[in-house]
Every structure is written in C-alpha cells, then in structure tokens.
Amino acid sequence: MIFLSAGVQRIPSRGVFWFTVAGMTGGLAGRYLSLVPINRVGLARAPILTQTRLVWSAAMAVVILGGLLSVAGAFAIISGG
C-alpha cells in the first residue's frame, strides 16, 4: 500500500520492456519445453517424465540451498504433487 500512497514519479520504460519480454518468452518457452518430451518419447511415456519435476526440484533444493531432506519429507513432496 505504500506504493499506491507514495505515487510513482516515473516508470522506467526499459524495465517495462524486459518485464514484457520475460513474460511473453517465459510462457512460450514453458509450453515448448513441455511439448518436447511428447515428440521425443511419445504420448504414453511423456507424463512419466514430466512428473519427475517434483523429484528434481527437491534434489535441487537440497544441493543449491543446502537443505536437509528426510524420508518423510520426500514422501510428502512426492505425494503432494
């Protein structure tokens, strides 16, 4: 709410441009990358590959953020998705 009450003196056009480019290309790239497995391995096997995103996100959280993952935590992540 401080943003609304203080007012905006100037919105940088360069920032708006990059925000727009990121929004448009992010959606297109995400859609394209979700269709690549279907073309590569077929429609029957592609969902199995796309559902491994939960395992990869948990693994990256442990490696990059230095988190700890227990068996119960891993089960909660996999069953929650």
C-alpha atoms as a PDB file:
ATOM      1  CA  MET A   1       0.000   0.000   0.000  1.00  0.00           C
ATOM      2  CA  ILE A   2       2.954   2.325   0.418  1.00  0.00           C
ATOM      3  CA  PHE A   3       3.492   2.027  -3.317  1.00  0.00           C
ATOM      4  CA  LEU A   4      -0.001   3.338  -4.008  1.00  0.00           C
ATOM      5  CA  SER A   5       0.095   6.157  -1.466  1.00  0.00           C
ATOM      6  CA  ALA A   6       3.566   7.440  -2.332  1.00  0.00           C
ATOM      7  CA  GLY A   7       2.836   7.711  -6.031  1.00  0.00           C
ATOM      8  CA  VAL A   8       5.015   6.868  -8.951  1.00  0.00           C
ATOM      9  CA  GLN A   9       7.176   9.589 -10.373  1.00  0.00           C
ATOM     10  CA  ARG A  10       8.494   7.650 -13.329  1.00  0.00           C
ATOM     11  CA  ILE A  11       8.140   4.104 -14.602  1.00  0.00           C
ATOM     12  CA  PRO A  12      11.312   3.096 -16.434  1.00  0.00           C
ATOM     13  CA  SER A  13      10.448   2.019 -19.959  1.00  0.00           C
ATOM     14  CA  ARG A  14      13.448  -0.300 -20.077  1.00  0.00           C
ATOM     15  CA  GLY A  15      12.124  -2.201 -17.075  1.00  0.00           C
ATOM     16  CA  VAL A  16       8.652  -2.459 -18.609  1.00  0.00           C
ATOM     17  CA  PHE A  17      10.195  -3.745 -21.835  1.00  0.00           C
ATOM     18  CA  TRP A  18      12.186  -6.514 -20.126  1.00  0.00           C
ATOM     19  CA  PHE A  19       9.248  -7.450 -17.912  1.00  0.00           C
ATOM     20  CA  THR A  20       7.086  -7.837 -21.023  1.00  0.00           C
ATOM     21  CA  VAL A  21       9.735  -9.817 -22.895  1.00  0.00           C
ATOM     22  CA  ALA A  22      10.241 -12.150 -19.927  1.00  0.00           C
ATOM     23  CA  GLY A  23       6.504 -12.714 -19.590  1.00  0.00           C
ATOM     24  CA  MET A  24       5.992 -13.490 -23.250  1.00  0.00           C
ATOM     25  CA  THR A  25       9.040 -15.673 -23.791  1.00  0.00           C
ATOM     26  CA  GLY A  26       8.648 -17.464 -20.472  1.00  0.00           C
ATOM     27  CA  GLY A  27       5.204 -18.700 -21.388  1.00  0.00           C
ATOM     28  CA  LEU A  28       6.241 -19.693 -24.879  1.00  0.00           C
ATOM     29  CA  ALA A  29       9.400 -21.440 -23.706  1.00  0.00           C
ATOM     30  CA  GLY A  30       7.498 -23.305 -21.000  1.00  0.00           C
ATOM     31  CA  ARG A  31       4.889 -24.520 -23.446  1.00  0.00           C
ATOM     32  CA  TYR A  32       7.545 -25.554 -25.961  1.00  0.00           C
ATOM     33  CA  LEU A  33       9.597 -27.419 -23.365  1.00  0.00           C
ATOM     34  CA  SER A  34       6.518 -29.243 -22.111  1.00  0.00           C
ATOM     35  CA  LEU A  35       5.781 -30.492 -25.643  1.00  0.00           C
ATOM     36  CA  VAL A  36       9.330 -31.648 -26.414  1.00  0.00           C
ATOM     37  CA  PRO A  37       9.049 -34.904 -24.380  1.00  0.00           C
ATOM     38  CA  ILE A  38       5.878 -35.835 -26.240  1.00  0.00           C
ATOM     39  CA  ASN A  39       7.690 -35.565 -29.562  1.00  0.00           C
ATOM     40  CA  ARG A  40      10.782 -37.341 -28.290  1.00  0.00           C
ATOM     41  CA  VAL A  41       9.391 -40.330 -26.388  1.00  0.00           C
ATOM     42  CA  GLY A  42       5.724 -40.447 -27.327  1.00  0.00           C
ATOM     43  CA  LEU A  43       2.469 -39.592 -25.662  1.00  0.00           C
ATOM     44  CA  ALA A  44       2.319 -42.653 -23.416  1.00  0.00           C
ATOM     45  CA  ARG A  45       5.715 -42.106 -21.747  1.00  0.00           C
ATOM     46  CA  ALA A  46       5.856 -38.306 -21.621  1.00  0.00           C
ATOM     47  CA  PRO A  47       3.713 -37.849 -18.470  1.00  0.00           C
ATOM     48  CA  ILE A  48       6.053 -40.143 -16.566  1.00  0.00           C
ATOM     49  CA  LEU A  49       8.986 -37.888 -17.453  1.00  0.00           C
ATOM     50  CA  THR A  50       7.136 -34.669 -16.665  1.00  0.00           C
ATOM     51  CA  GLN A  51       6.065 -35.943 -13.248  1.00  0.00           C
ATOM     52  CA  THR A  52       9.701 -36.283 -12.185  1.00  0.00           C
ATOM     53  CA  ARG A  53       9.812 -32.487 -11.751  1.00  0.00           C
ATOM     54  CA  LEU A  54       8.948 -32.974  -8.073  1.00  0.00           C
ATOM     55  CA  VAL A  55      11.972 -35.177  -7.533  1.00  0.00           C
ATOM     56  CA  TRP A  56      14.266 -32.783  -9.425  1.00  0.00           C
ATOM     57  CA  SER A  57      13.003 -29.738  -7.532  1.00  0.00           C
ATOM     58  CA  ALA A  58      13.590 -31.474  -4.197  1.00  0.00           C
ATOM     59  CA  ALA A  59      17.073 -32.548  -5.281  1.00  0.00           C
ATOM     60  CA  MET A  60      17.958 -29.019  -6.419  1.00  0.00           C
ATOM     61  CA  ALA A  61      16.680 -27.604  -3.125  1.00  0.00           C
ATOM     62  CA  VAL A  62      18.991 -29.916  -1.215  1.00  0.00           C
ATOM     63  CA  VAL A  63      22.012 -29.218  -3.425  1.00  0.00           C
ATOM     64  CA  ILE A  64      21.598 -25.497  -4.061  1.00  0.00           C
ATOM     65  CA  LEU A  65      20.018 -24.356  -0.808  1.00  0.00           C
ATOM     66  CA  GLY A  66      21.788 -26.871   1.404  1.00  0.00           C
ATOM     67  CA  GLY A  67      18.556 -28.228   2.828  1.00  0.00           C
ATOM     68  CA  LEU A  68      18.014 -31.491   4.618  1.00  0.00           C
ATOM     69  CA  LEU A  69      15.520 -33.997   3.290  1.00  0.00           C
ATOM     70  CA  SER A  70      14.178 -36.866   5.330  1.00  0.00           C
ATOM     71  CA  VAL A  71      12.272 -39.874   4.041  1.00  0.00           C
ATOM     72  CA  ALA A  72       9.033 -38.406   5.400  1.00  0.00           C
ATOM     73  CA  GLY A  73       9.776 -35.084   3.687  1.00  0.00           C
ATOM     74  CA  ALA A  74      10.494 -36.799   0.379  1.00  0.00           C
ATOM     75  CA  PHE A  75       7.254 -38.763   0.659  1.00  0.00           C
ATOM     76  CA  ALA A  76       5.317 -35.584   1.409  1.00  0.00           C
ATOM     77  CA  ILE A  77       6.795 -33.834  -1.646  1.00  0.00           C
ATOM     78  CA  ILE A  78       6.100 -36.720  -3.995  1.00  0.00           C
ATOM     79  CA  SER A  79       2.591 -37.479  -2.731  1.00  0.00           C
ATOM     80  CA  GLY A  80       1.584 -33.827  -2.648  1.00  0.00           C
ATOM     81  CA  GLY A  81       2.132 -33.284  -6.347  1.00  0.00           C
END
